[in-house]
Amino acid sequence: MKCRAGCGACCIAPSISSPIPGMPQGKPAGVRCMQLTAENHCAIFGQPERPAVCAAFSADPEVCGASTAEALHLLGWLEQSTAAAV
């Protein structure tokens, strides 16, 4: 599957534990990444500062669904389902 232009769900729904420029502690789930532009494109795409987890993410119907809303729902559910119990 090709990434949906302007989706950005993978930069909002999941937590990212590695440092991101402007977010040295990473980002919590459900928080918009500072590097996500107003058009929902990664401002550091292809740059070495981009976290490895972001570079490794591949769009897939199983996690991206058929729309941005569905992707936010599915990625949010996966985040909650795999989060460590506190």
PDB file of N, CA and C in Angstrom:
ATOM      1  N   MET A   1       0.845  -1.181   0.000  1.00  0.00           N
ATOM      2  CA  MET A   1       0.000   0.000   0.000  1.00  0.00           C
ATOM      3  C   MET A   1       0.887   1.238   0.000  1.00  0.00           C
ATOM      4  N   LYS A   2       0.508   2.212  -0.780  1.00  0.00           N
ATOM      5  CA  LYS A   2       1.211   3.486  -0.796  1.00  0.00           C
ATOM      6  C   LYS A   2       0.615   4.383   0.287  1.00  0.00           C
ATOM      7  N   CYS A   3       1.463   5.115   0.975  1.00  0.00           N
ATOM      8  CA  CYS A   3       1.005   6.022   2.031  1.00  0.00           C
ATOM      9  C   CYS A   3       0.024   7.035   1.448  1.00  0.00           C
ATOM     10  N   ARG A   4      -1.075   7.297   2.180  1.00  0.00           N
ATOM     11  CA  ARG A   4      -2.055   8.293   1.741  1.00  0.00           C
ATOM     12  C   ARG A   4      -1.502   9.686   1.974  1.00  0.00           C
ATOM     13  N   ALA A   5      -1.329  10.458   0.941  1.00  0.00           N
ATOM     14  CA  ALA A   5      -0.823  11.827   1.080  1.00  0.00           C
ATOM     15  C   ALA A   5      -1.751  12.629   1.988  1.00  0.00           C
ATOM     16  N   GLY A   6      -1.155  13.340   2.929  1.00  0.00           N
ATOM     17  CA  GLY A   6      -1.934  14.187   3.817  1.00  0.00           C
ATOM     18  C   GLY A   6      -2.626  13.464   4.943  1.00  0.00           C
ATOM     19  N   CYS A   7      -2.310  12.199   5.192  1.00  0.00           N
ATOM     20  CA  CYS A   7      -2.961  11.443   6.264  1.00  0.00           C
ATOM     21  C   CYS A   7      -2.401  11.842   7.627  1.00  0.00           C
ATOM     22  N   GLY A   8      -1.138  11.538   7.879  1.00  0.00           N
ATOM     23  CA  GLY A   8      -0.481  11.922   9.125  1.00  0.00           C
ATOM     24  C   GLY A   8      -0.853  11.119  10.352  1.00  0.00           C
ATOM     25  N   ALA A   9      -1.707  10.119  10.221  1.00  0.00           N
ATOM     26  CA  ALA A   9      -2.145   9.354  11.395  1.00  0.00           C
ATOM     27  C   ALA A   9      -0.982   8.699  12.128  1.00  0.00           C
ATOM     28  N   CYS A  10       0.031   8.237  11.392  1.00  0.00           N
ATOM     29  CA  CYS A  10       1.175   7.577  12.018  1.00  0.00           C
ATOM     30  C   CYS A  10       2.055   8.570  12.777  1.00  0.00           C
ATOM     31  N   CYS A  11       1.827   9.867  12.582  1.00  0.00           N
ATOM     32  CA  CYS A  11       2.573  10.913  13.285  1.00  0.00           C
ATOM     33  C   CYS A  11       1.754  11.506  14.421  1.00  0.00           C
ATOM     34  N   ILE A  12       0.581  10.948  14.651  1.00  0.00           N
ATOM     35  CA  ILE A  12      -0.305  11.437  15.708  1.00  0.00           C
ATOM     36  C   ILE A  12      -0.654  10.315  16.689  1.00  0.00           C
ATOM     37  N   ALA A  13      -1.198   9.210  16.196  1.00  0.00           N
ATOM     38  CA  ALA A  13      -1.748   8.164  17.057  1.00  0.00           C
ATOM     39  C   ALA A  13      -0.729   7.443  17.941  1.00  0.00           C
ATOM     40  N   PRO A  14       0.392   6.959  17.401  1.00  0.00           N
ATOM     41  CA  PRO A  14       1.295   6.179  18.255  1.00  0.00           C
ATOM     42  C   PRO A  14       2.241   7.055  19.083  1.00  0.00           C
ATOM     43  N   SER A  15       2.723   6.469  20.172  1.00  0.00           N
ATOM     44  CA  SER A  15       3.791   7.126  20.921  1.00  0.00           C
ATOM     45  C   SER A  15       5.095   6.857  20.185  1.00  0.00           C
ATOM     46  N   ILE A  16       6.040   7.763  20.347  1.00  0.00           N
ATOM     47  CA  ILE A  16       7.378   7.591  19.776  1.00  0.00           C
ATOM     48  C   ILE A  16       8.348   7.869  20.909  1.00  0.00           C
ATOM     49  N   SER A  17       9.131   6.875  21.291  1.00  0.00           N
ATOM     50  CA  SER A  17      10.011   7.019  22.453  1.00  0.00           C
ATOM     51  C   SER A  17      11.363   7.631  22.098  1.00  0.00           C
ATOM     52  N   SER A  18      11.737   7.645  20.830  1.00  0.00           N
ATOM     53  CA  SER A  18      13.026   8.228  20.458  1.00  0.00           C
ATOM     54  C   SER A  18      12.909   9.740  20.301  1.00  0.00           C
ATOM     55  N   PRO A  19      14.039  10.435  20.487  1.00  0.00           N
ATOM     56  CA  PRO A  19      14.020  11.889  20.321  1.00  0.00           C
ATOM     57  C   PRO A  19      13.634  12.292  18.899  1.00  0.00           C
ATOM     58  N   ILE A  20      12.913  13.393  18.821  1.00  0.00           N
ATOM     59  CA  ILE A  20      12.489  13.995  17.564  1.00  0.00           C
ATOM     60  C   ILE A  20      12.919  15.455  17.667  1.00  0.00           C
ATOM     61  N   PRO A  21      13.428  16.068  16.608  1.00  0.00           N
ATOM     62  CA  PRO A  21      13.759  17.489  16.714  1.00  0.00           C
ATOM     63  C   PRO A  21      12.565  18.295  17.238  1.00  0.00           C
ATOM     64  N   GLY A  22      12.799  19.030  18.313  1.00  0.00           N
ATOM     65  CA  GLY A  22      11.724  19.794  18.949  1.00  0.00           C
ATOM     66  C   GLY A  22      10.972  19.015  20.010  1.00  0.00           C
ATOM     67  N   MET A  23      11.207  17.711  20.076  1.00  0.00           N
ATOM     68  CA  MET A  23      10.559  16.834  21.054  1.00  0.00           C
ATOM     69  C   MET A  23      11.622  15.854  21.574  1.00  0.00           C
ATOM     70  N   PRO A  24      12.558  16.337  22.382  1.00  0.00           N
ATOM     71  CA  PRO A  24      13.695  15.500  22.790  1.00  0.00           C
ATOM     72  C   PRO A  24      13.320  14.250  23.588  1.00  0.00           C
ATOM     73  N   GLN A  25      12.145  14.231  24.180  1.00  0.00           N
ATOM     74  CA  GLN A  25      11.684  13.059  24.934  1.00  0.00           C
ATOM     75  C   GLN A  25      10.777  12.164  24.096  1.00  0.00           C
ATOM     76  N   GLY A  26      10.693  12.436  22.807  1.00  0.00           N
ATOM     77  CA  GLY A  26       9.764  11.703  21.962  1.00  0.00           C
ATOM     78  C   GLY A  26       8.383  12.326  22.078  1.00  0.00           C
ATOM     79  N   LYS A  27       7.347  11.553  21.793  1.00  0.00           N
ATOM     80  CA  LYS A  27       5.981  12.091  21.904  1.00  0.00           C
ATOM     81  C   LYS A  27       5.023  11.038  22.428  1.00  0.00           C
ATOM     82  N   PRO A  28       4.065  11.460  23.230  1.00  0.00           N
ATOM     83  CA  PRO A  28       3.054  10.517  23.704  1.00  0.00           C
ATOM     84  C   PRO A  28       2.023  10.191  22.624  1.00  0.00           C
ATOM     85  N   ALA A  29       1.346   9.105  22.811  1.00  0.00           N
ATOM     86  CA  ALA A  29       0.276   8.705  21.894  1.00  0.00           C
ATOM     87  C   ALA A  29      -0.794   9.787  21.841  1.00  0.00           C
ATOM     88  N   GLY A  30      -1.300  10.019  20.654  1.00  0.00           N
ATOM     89  CA  GLY A  30      -2.384  10.977  20.471  1.00  0.00           C
ATOM     90  C   GLY A  30      -1.930  12.420  20.341  1.00  0.00           C
ATOM     91  N   VAL A  31      -0.638  12.669  20.470  1.00  0.00           N
ATOM     92  CA  VAL A  31      -0.090  14.015  20.347  1.00  0.00           C
ATOM     93  C   VAL A  31       0.520  14.174  18.957  1.00  0.00           C
ATOM     94  N   ARG A  32       0.194  15.254  18.318  1.00  0.00           N
ATOM     95  CA  ARG A  32       0.710  15.549  16.976  1.00  0.00           C
ATOM     96  C   ARG A  32       2.213  15.808  17.049  1.00  0.00           C
ATOM     97  N   CYS A  33       2.987  15.166  16.193  1.00  0.00           N
ATOM     98  CA  CYS A  33       4.430  15.387  16.131  1.00  0.00           C
ATOM     99  C   CYS A  33       4.695  16.819  15.673  1.00  0.00           C
ATOM    100  N   MET A  34       5.676  17.466  16.301  1.00  0.00           N
ATOM    101  CA  MET A  34       6.035  18.840  15.921  1.00  0.00           C
ATOM    102  C   MET A  34       6.531  18.919  14.484  1.00  0.00           C
ATOM    103  N   GLN A  35       6.999  17.814  13.931  1.00  0.00           N
ATOM    104  CA  GLN A  35       7.536  17.809  12.578  1.00  0.00           C
ATOM    105  C   GLN A  35       6.475  17.525  11.514  1.00  0.00           C
ATOM    106  N   LEU A  36       5.229  17.388  11.938  1.00  0.00           N
ATOM    107  CA  LEU A  36       4.131  17.162  11.001  1.00  0.00           C
ATOM    108  C   LEU A  36       3.623  18.526  10.540  1.00  0.00           C
ATOM    109  N   THR A  37       3.709  18.784   9.246  1.00  0.00           N
ATOM    110  CA  THR A  37       3.313  20.084   8.707  1.00  0.00           C
ATOM    111  C   THR A  37       1.792  20.240   8.717  1.00  0.00           C
ATOM    112  N   ALA A  38       1.342  21.442   8.406  1.00  0.00           N
ATOM    113  CA  ALA A  38      -0.098  21.719   8.326  1.00  0.00           C
ATOM    114  C   ALA A  38      -0.765  20.852   7.260  1.00  0.00           C
ATOM    115  N   GLU A  39       0.022  20.422   6.265  1.00  0.00           N
ATOM    116  CA  GLU A  39      -0.504  19.558   5.199  1.00  0.00           C
ATOM    117  C   GLU A  39      -0.364  18.081   5.554  1.00  0.00           C
ATOM    118  N   ASN A  40       0.052  17.798   6.792  1.00  0.00           N
ATOM    119  CA  ASN A  40       0.259  16.430   7.286  1.00  0.00           C
ATOM    120  C   ASN A  40       1.352  15.686   6.521  1.00  0.00           C
ATOM    121  N   HIS A  41       2.451  16.373   6.284  1.00  0.00           N
ATOM    122  CA  HIS A  41       3.648  15.774   5.695  1.00  0.00           C
ATOM    123  C   HIS A  41       4.769  15.890   6.719  1.00  0.00           C
ATOM    124  N   CYS A  42       5.685  14.943   6.713  1.00  0.00           N
ATOM    125  CA  CYS A  42       6.817  14.964   7.633  1.00  0.00           C
ATOM    126  C   CYS A  42       7.845  15.994   7.161  1.00  0.00           C
ATOM    127  N   ALA A  43       8.144  16.970   8.016  1.00  0.00           N
ATOM    128  CA  ALA A  43       9.104  18.024   7.670  1.00  0.00           C
ATOM    129  C   ALA A  43      10.538  17.512   7.662  1.00  0.00           C
ATOM    130  N   ILE A  44      10.792  16.350   8.272  1.00  0.00           N
ATOM    131  CA  ILE A  44      12.157  15.818   8.314  1.00  0.00           C
ATOM    132  C   ILE A  44      12.278  14.492   7.556  1.00  0.00           C
ATOM    133  N   PHE A  45      11.340  14.234   6.665  1.00  0.00           N
ATOM    134  CA  PHE A  45      11.367  13.003   5.874  1.00  0.00           C
ATOM    135  C   PHE A  45      12.697  12.903   5.135  1.00  0.00           C
ATOM    136  N   GLY A  46      13.352  11.743   5.228  1.00  0.00           N
ATOM    137  CA  GLY A  46      14.604  11.509   4.535  1.00  0.00           C
ATOM    138  C   GLY A  46      15.827  12.108   5.202  1.00  0.00           C
ATOM    139  N   GLN A  47      15.651  12.808   6.316  1.00  0.00           N
ATOM    140  CA  GLN A  47      16.775  13.412   7.022  1.00  0.00           C
ATOM    141  C   GLN A  47      17.239  12.501   8.153  1.00  0.00           C
ATOM    142  N   PRO A  48      18.516  12.572   8.526  1.00  0.00           N
ATOM    143  CA  PRO A  48      19.039  11.682   9.562  1.00  0.00           C
ATOM    144  C   PRO A  48      18.408  11.903  10.937  1.00  0.00           C
ATOM    145  N   GLU A  49      17.824  13.061  11.183  1.00  0.00           N
ATOM    146  CA  GLU A  49      17.184  13.340  12.479  1.00  0.00           C
ATOM    147  C   GLU A  49      15.854  12.612  12.647  1.00  0.00           C
ATOM    148  N   ARG A  50      15.315  12.116  11.563  1.00  0.00           N
ATOM    149  CA  ARG A  50      14.029  11.399  11.626  1.00  0.00           C
ATOM    150  C   ARG A  50      14.236  10.106  12.396  1.00  0.00           C
ATOM    151  N   PRO A  51      13.385   9.836  13.403  1.00  0.00           N
ATOM    152  CA  PRO A  51      13.537   8.602  14.182  1.00  0.00           C
ATOM    153  C   PRO A  51      13.472   7.350  13.307  1.00  0.00           C
ATOM    154  N   ALA A  52      14.281   6.366  13.671  1.00  0.00           N
ATOM    155  CA  ALA A  52      14.331   5.107  12.916  1.00  0.00           C
ATOM    156  C   ALA A  52      12.959   4.440  12.857  1.00  0.00           C
ATOM    157  N   VAL A  53      12.195   4.525  13.936  1.00  0.00           N
ATOM    158  CA  VAL A  53      10.868   3.894  13.956  1.00  0.00           C
ATOM    159  C   VAL A  53       9.962   4.513  12.889  1.00  0.00           C
ATOM    160  N   CYS A  54      10.119   5.805  12.649  1.00  0.00           N
ATOM    161  CA  CYS A  54       9.317   6.468  11.614  1.00  0.00           C
ATOM    162  C   CYS A  54       9.749   6.014  10.225  1.00  0.00           C
ATOM    163  N   ALA A  55      11.059   5.945  10.023  1.00  0.00           N
ATOM    164  CA  ALA A  55      11.582   5.527   8.727  1.00  0.00           C
ATOM    165  C   ALA A  55      11.204   4.081   8.409  1.00  0.00           C
ATOM    166  N   ALA A  56      11.057   3.261   9.449  1.00  0.00           N
ATOM    167  CA  ALA A  56      10.750   1.847   9.252  1.00  0.00           C
ATOM    168  C   ALA A  56       9.259   1.577   9.050  1.00  0.00           C
ATOM    169  N   PHE A  57       8.406   2.544   9.365  1.00  0.00           N
ATOM    170  CA  PHE A  57       6.962   2.331   9.244  1.00  0.00           C
ATOM    171  C   PHE A  57       6.570   2.189   7.772  1.00  0.00           C
ATOM    172  N   SER A  58       5.779   1.174   7.482  1.00  0.00           N
ATOM    173  CA  SER A  58       5.255   0.966   6.130  1.00  0.00           C
ATOM    174  C   SER A  58       3.742   1.007   6.176  1.00  0.00           C
ATOM    175  N   ALA A  59       3.166   1.804   5.314  1.00  0.00           N
ATOM    176  CA  ALA A  59       1.711   1.860   5.229  1.00  0.00           C
ATOM    177  C   ALA A  59       1.178   0.486   4.842  1.00  0.00           C
ATOM    178  N   ASP A  60       0.126   0.072   5.515  1.00  0.00           N
ATOM    179  CA  ASP A  60      -0.467  -1.237   5.274  1.00  0.00           C
ATOM    180  C   ASP A  60      -1.960  -1.143   5.568  1.00  0.00           C
ATOM    181  N   PRO A  61      -2.803  -1.747   4.760  1.00  0.00           N
ATOM    182  CA  PRO A  61      -4.238  -1.684   5.007  1.00  0.00           C
ATOM    183  C   PRO A  61      -4.642  -2.149   6.407  1.00  0.00           C
ATOM    184  N   GLU A  62      -3.878  -3.067   6.990  1.00  0.00           N
ATOM    185  CA  GLU A  62      -4.193  -3.578   8.331  1.00  0.00           C
ATOM    186  C   GLU A  62      -4.125  -2.488   9.396  1.00  0.00           C
ATOM    187  N   VAL A  63      -3.236  -1.516   9.222  1.00  0.00           N
ATOM    188  CA  VAL A  63      -3.096  -0.454  10.222  1.00  0.00           C
ATOM    189  C   VAL A  63      -3.545   0.906   9.711  1.00  0.00           C
ATOM    190  N   CYS A  64      -3.642   1.072   8.406  1.00  0.00           N
ATOM    191  CA  CYS A  64      -4.015   2.362   7.840  1.00  0.00           C
ATOM    192  C   CYS A  64      -5.474   2.430   7.405  1.00  0.00           C
ATOM    193  N   GLY A  65      -6.110   1.289   7.274  1.00  0.00           N
ATOM    194  CA  GLY A  65      -7.510   1.264   6.872  1.00  0.00           C
ATOM    195  C   GLY A  65      -7.742   1.950   5.535  1.00  0.00           C
ATOM    196  N   ALA A  66      -8.939   2.497   5.375  1.00  0.00           N
ATOM    197  CA  ALA A  66      -9.333   3.111   4.109  1.00  0.00           C
ATOM    198  C   ALA A  66      -9.418   4.631   4.189  1.00  0.00           C
ATOM    199  N   SER A  67      -9.146   5.202   5.372  1.00  0.00           N
ATOM    200  CA  SER A  67      -9.235   6.656   5.528  1.00  0.00           C
ATOM    201  C   SER A  67      -8.346   7.099   6.685  1.00  0.00           C
ATOM    202  N   THR A  68      -8.125   8.388   6.785  1.00  0.00           N
ATOM    203  CA  THR A  68      -7.353   8.926   7.902  1.00  0.00           C
ATOM    204  C   THR A  68      -8.043   8.615   9.222  1.00  0.00           C
ATOM    205  N   ALA A  69      -9.351   8.788   9.279  1.00  0.00           N
ATOM    206  CA  ALA A  69     -10.094   8.509  10.517  1.00  0.00           C
ATOM    207  C   ALA A  69      -9.925   7.053  10.932  1.00  0.00           C
ATOM    208  N   GLU A  70      -9.997   6.155   9.971  1.00  0.00           N
ATOM    209  CA  GLU A  70      -9.820   4.736  10.283  1.00  0.00           C
ATOM    210  C   GLU A  70      -8.386   4.456  10.727  1.00  0.00           C
ATOM    211  N   ALA A  71      -7.406   5.094  10.093  1.00  0.00           N
ATOM    212  CA  ALA A  71      -6.004   4.920  10.483  1.00  0.00           C
ATOM    213  C   ALA A  71      -5.781   5.407  11.917  1.00  0.00           C
ATOM    214  N   LEU A  72      -6.341   6.557  12.264  1.00  0.00           N
ATOM    215  CA  LEU A  72      -6.217   7.063  13.636  1.00  0.00           C
ATOM    216  C   LEU A  72      -6.826   6.080  14.630  1.00  0.00           C
ATOM    217  N   HIS A  73      -7.973   5.531  14.277  1.00  0.00           N
ATOM    218  CA  HIS A  73      -8.641   4.557  15.149  1.00  0.00           C
ATOM    219  C   HIS A  73      -7.797   3.287  15.296  1.00  0.00           C
ATOM    220  N   LEU A  74      -7.360   2.716  14.175  1.00  0.00           N
ATOM    221  CA  LEU A  74      -6.598   1.465  14.214  1.00  0.00           C
ATOM    222  C   LEU A  74      -5.249   1.638  14.913  1.00  0.00           C
ATOM    223  N   LEU A  75      -4.525   2.691  14.580  1.00  0.00           N
ATOM    224  CA  LEU A  75      -3.226   2.927  15.212  1.00  0.00           C
ATOM    225  C   LEU A  75      -3.382   3.230  16.698  1.00  0.00           C
ATOM    226  N   GLY A  76      -4.436   3.960  17.048  1.00  0.00           N
ATOM    227  CA  GLY A  76      -4.718   4.235  18.468  1.00  0.00           C
ATOM    228  C   GLY A  76      -5.043   2.958  19.222  1.00  0.00           C
ATOM    229  N   TRP A  77      -5.831   2.086  18.595  1.00  0.00           N
ATOM    230  CA  TRP A  77      -6.172   0.810  19.223  1.00  0.00           C
ATOM    231  C   TRP A  77      -4.915  -0.041  19.411  1.00  0.00           C
ATOM    232  N   LEU A  78      -4.060  -0.095  18.399  1.00  0.00           N
ATOM    233  CA  LEU A  78      -2.811  -0.862  18.514  1.00  0.00           C
ATOM    234  C   LEU A  78      -1.932  -0.298  19.629  1.00  0.00           C
ATOM    235  N   GLU A  79      -1.858   1.014  19.721  1.00  0.00           N
ATOM    236  CA  GLU A  79      -1.062   1.655  20.778  1.00  0.00           C
ATOM    237  C   GLU A  79      -1.584   1.235  22.157  1.00  0.00           C
ATOM    238  N   GLN A  80      -2.888   1.333  22.361  1.00  0.00           N
ATOM    239  CA  GLN A  80      -3.475   0.960  23.648  1.00  0.00           C
ATOM    240  C   GLN A  80      -3.298  -0.529  23.935  1.00  0.00           C
ATOM    241  N   SER A  81      -3.468  -1.344  22.915  1.00  0.00           N
ATOM    242  CA  SER A  81      -3.379  -2.789  23.094  1.00  0.00           C
ATOM    243  C   SER A  81      -1.973  -3.283  23.429  1.00  0.00           C
ATOM    244  N   THR A  82      -0.977  -2.531  23.013  1.00  0.00           N
ATOM    245  CA  THR A  82       0.393  -2.972  23.240  1.00  0.00           C
ATOM    246  C   THR A  82       1.116  -2.158  24.313  1.00  0.00           C
ATOM    247  N   ALA A  83       0.434  -1.195  24.909  1.00  0.00           N
ATOM    248  CA  ALA A  83       1.041  -0.373  25.956  1.00  0.00           C
ATOM    249  C   ALA A  83       1.265  -1.206  27.214  1.00  0.00           C
ATOM    250  N   ALA A  84       2.371  -0.940  27.876  1.00  0.00           N
ATOM    251  CA  ALA A  84       2.664  -1.622  29.135  1.00  0.00           C
ATOM    252  C   ALA A  84       1.691  -1.165  30.207  1.00  0.00           C
ATOM    253  N   ALA A  85       1.253  -2.071  31.016  1.00  0.00           N
ATOM    254  CA  ALA A  85       0.363  -1.733  32.126  1.00  0.00           C
ATOM    255  C   ALA A  85       1.125  -0.884  33.133  1.00  0.00           C
ATOM    256  N   VAL A  86       0.471   0.162  33.618  1.00  0.00           N
ATOM    257  CA  VAL A  86       1.125   1.066  34.579  1.00  0.00           C
ATOM    258  C   VAL A  86       0.615   0.811  35.971  1.00  0.00           C
TER     259      VAL A  86
END
